[in-house]
Amino acid sequence: MKLKITVDNKTYEVDVEAEEPEVVHAPAAYKPVSWSAPSAPAPAAAAPASGNGEAVDESKVCRSPMVGVVVRINAQEGQTVKVDDALLVLEAMKMETTITSPVAGKIKRLRVDAGQSVQANQILVDFE
């Protein structure tokens, strides 16, 4: 089954395999309860701010998916990158995560340095 999940205004399509639930016979006093997943929130009307109040073109930025520390920068300003090229590496809870380019294009600005702490959803890279 394919599901679309939106996290921080980014939509991901995921494949999910459902297993048959284990049948448990409950006493007659219990009533079955049905549950359905909550509906996704409506998309925001405007693009999220960049931190200084201005709207951001999300197709031209790469944001941090988590709180962490930049341990390595693999790209530089002016470099042309393809989708999924490694931009930098974040460390969180002693695990390293490679942040890859969400778009193909030229790097306009790196907003972080090695050793810098970043917040979830913080803009890391601007693209032209």
Protein backbone atom coordinates (compact mmCIF):
# COMPACT_ATOMS: atom_id res chain seq x y z
CA MET A 1 0.00 0.00 0.00
CA LYS A 2 1.35 3.46 -0.87
CA LEU A 3 0.86 6.33 1.55
CA LYS A 4 1.67 10.02 1.23
CA ILE A 5 3.03 11.55 4.42
CA THR A 6 3.72 15.26 4.88
CA VAL A 7 6.41 16.35 7.34
CA ASP A 8 7.47 19.99 7.62
CA ASN A 9 5.63 20.85 4.38
CA LYS A 10 7.50 18.13 2.43
CA THR A 11 5.46 15.24 1.07
CA TYR A 12 6.98 11.75 1.03
CA GLU A 13 5.50 8.72 -0.71
CA VAL A 14 6.13 5.51 1.20
CA ASP A 15 5.33 1.85 0.64
CA VAL A 16 3.76 0.11 3.61
CA GLU A 17 3.13 -3.60 4.06
CA ALA A 18 0.24 -4.42 6.34
CA GLU A 19 0.25 -7.62 8.34
CA GLU A 20 -2.89 -9.38 9.38
CA PRO A 21 -3.62 -8.55 13.02
CA GLU A 22 -3.47 -11.32 15.57
CA VAL A 23 -6.98 -12.40 16.52
CA VAL A 24 -7.60 -12.08 20.23
CA HIS A 25 -10.92 -13.14 21.64
CA ALA A 26 -12.08 -10.54 24.15
CA PRO A 27 -14.72 -11.10 26.79
CA ALA A 28 -18.27 -10.30 25.70
CA ALA A 29 -18.26 -7.09 27.80
CA TYR A 30 -15.70 -5.47 25.49
CA LYS A 31 -16.81 -3.60 22.40
CA PRO A 32 -14.59 -3.28 19.32
CA VAL A 33 -13.22 0.19 18.66
CA SER A 34 -12.54 1.43 15.18
CA TRP A 35 -9.74 3.86 14.50
CA SER A 36 -8.73 5.83 11.45
CA ALA A 37 -5.62 7.87 10.87
CA PRO A 38 -6.01 11.63 11.31
CA SER A 39 -6.22 13.60 8.11
CA ALA A 40 -3.16 15.52 7.01
CA PRO A 41 -3.07 19.21 7.91
CA ALA A 42 -3.92 21.69 5.20
CA PRO A 43 -0.84 23.09 3.44
CA ALA A 44 0.30 26.49 4.62
CA ALA A 45 -0.86 29.43 2.54
CA ALA A 46 2.58 30.99 2.34
CA ALA A 47 6.07 29.56 2.22
CA PRO A 48 7.78 29.34 5.61
CA ALA A 49 9.85 32.33 6.59
CA SER A 50 13.62 32.26 6.36
CA GLY A 51 14.07 33.45 9.92
CA ASN A 52 14.08 37.12 9.05
CA GLY A 53 10.40 37.30 8.09
CA GLU A 54 10.77 36.92 4.32
CA ALA A 55 9.03 34.15 2.37
CA VAL A 56 11.26 31.37 1.03
CA ASP A 57 11.04 29.53 -2.30
CA GLU A 58 11.22 25.95 -0.98
CA SER A 59 12.37 24.68 -4.38
CA LYS A 60 15.61 26.65 -3.90
CA VAL A 61 16.65 25.63 -0.39
CA CYS A 62 17.75 22.58 1.55
CA ARG A 63 16.58 22.43 5.17
CA SER A 64 17.85 20.41 8.10
CA PRO A 65 15.60 17.44 8.87
CA MET A 66 16.74 17.40 12.52
CA VAL A 67 18.63 19.09 15.32
CA GLY A 68 22.33 18.30 15.06
CA VAL A 69 25.88 19.48 14.50
CA VAL A 70 27.49 19.93 11.08
CA VAL A 71 30.50 17.59 11.07
CA ARG A 72 31.49 17.82 7.43
CA ILE A 73 30.65 19.95 4.39
CA ASN A 74 30.93 18.09 1.07
CA ALA A 75 29.90 20.93 -1.26
CA GLN A 76 30.90 24.51 -1.89
CA GLU A 77 29.31 27.70 -3.14
CA GLY A 78 29.17 27.84 -6.93
CA GLN A 79 29.22 24.05 -7.27
CA THR A 80 26.67 22.43 -9.58
CA VAL A 81 24.90 19.48 -7.95
CA LYS A 82 22.42 16.81 -8.98
CA VAL A 83 19.51 15.49 -6.96
CA ASP A 84 20.81 13.27 -4.12
CA ASP A 85 24.40 14.59 -4.28
CA ALA A 86 25.91 14.79 -0.77
CA LEU A 87 25.91 18.36 0.56
CA LEU A 88 26.96 17.89 4.19
CA VAL A 89 26.91 15.53 7.15
CA LEU A 90 25.02 16.15 10.39
CA GLU A 91 25.62 14.34 13.66
CA ALA A 92 22.77 13.77 16.10
CA MET A 93 22.87 11.38 19.05
CA LYS A 94 26.28 10.05 17.92
CA MET A 95 24.91 9.06 14.50
CA GLU A 96 25.91 10.72 11.24
CA THR A 97 23.33 11.57 8.60
CA THR A 98 24.28 12.66 5.09
CA ILE A 99 22.15 15.54 3.85
CA THR A 100 21.66 15.32 0.09
CA SER A 101 20.52 17.84 -2.46
CA PRO A 102 16.74 17.89 -2.94
CA VAL A 103 17.14 19.61 -6.33
CA ALA A 104 19.55 19.84 -9.23
CA GLY A 105 21.22 23.21 -9.60
CA LYS A 106 24.01 25.51 -8.55
CA ILE A 107 24.76 26.21 -4.89
CA LYS A 108 24.26 29.92 -4.25
CA ARG A 109 25.08 29.99 -0.54
CA LEU A 110 26.08 27.63 2.25
CA ARG A 111 24.46 28.95 5.42
CA VAL A 112 26.38 26.72 7.85
CA ASP A 113 29.97 25.89 8.79
CA ALA A 114 31.54 22.70 10.12
CA GLY A 115 31.07 22.50 13.90
CA GLN A 116 27.92 24.62 13.86
CA SER A 117 24.76 23.46 15.66
CA VAL A 118 21.59 23.52 13.57
CA GLN A 119 17.90 23.33 14.39
CA ALA A 120 15.28 21.19 12.67
CA ASN A 121 13.91 22.93 9.57
CA GLN A 122 16.80 25.43 9.49
CA ILE A 123 17.92 26.41 5.98
CA LEU A 124 21.35 24.89 5.30
CA VAL A 125 21.88 25.64 1.59
CA ASP A 126 20.42 28.12 -0.95
CA PHE A 127 20.31 27.22 -4.65
CA GLU A 128 20.23 29.58 -7.64
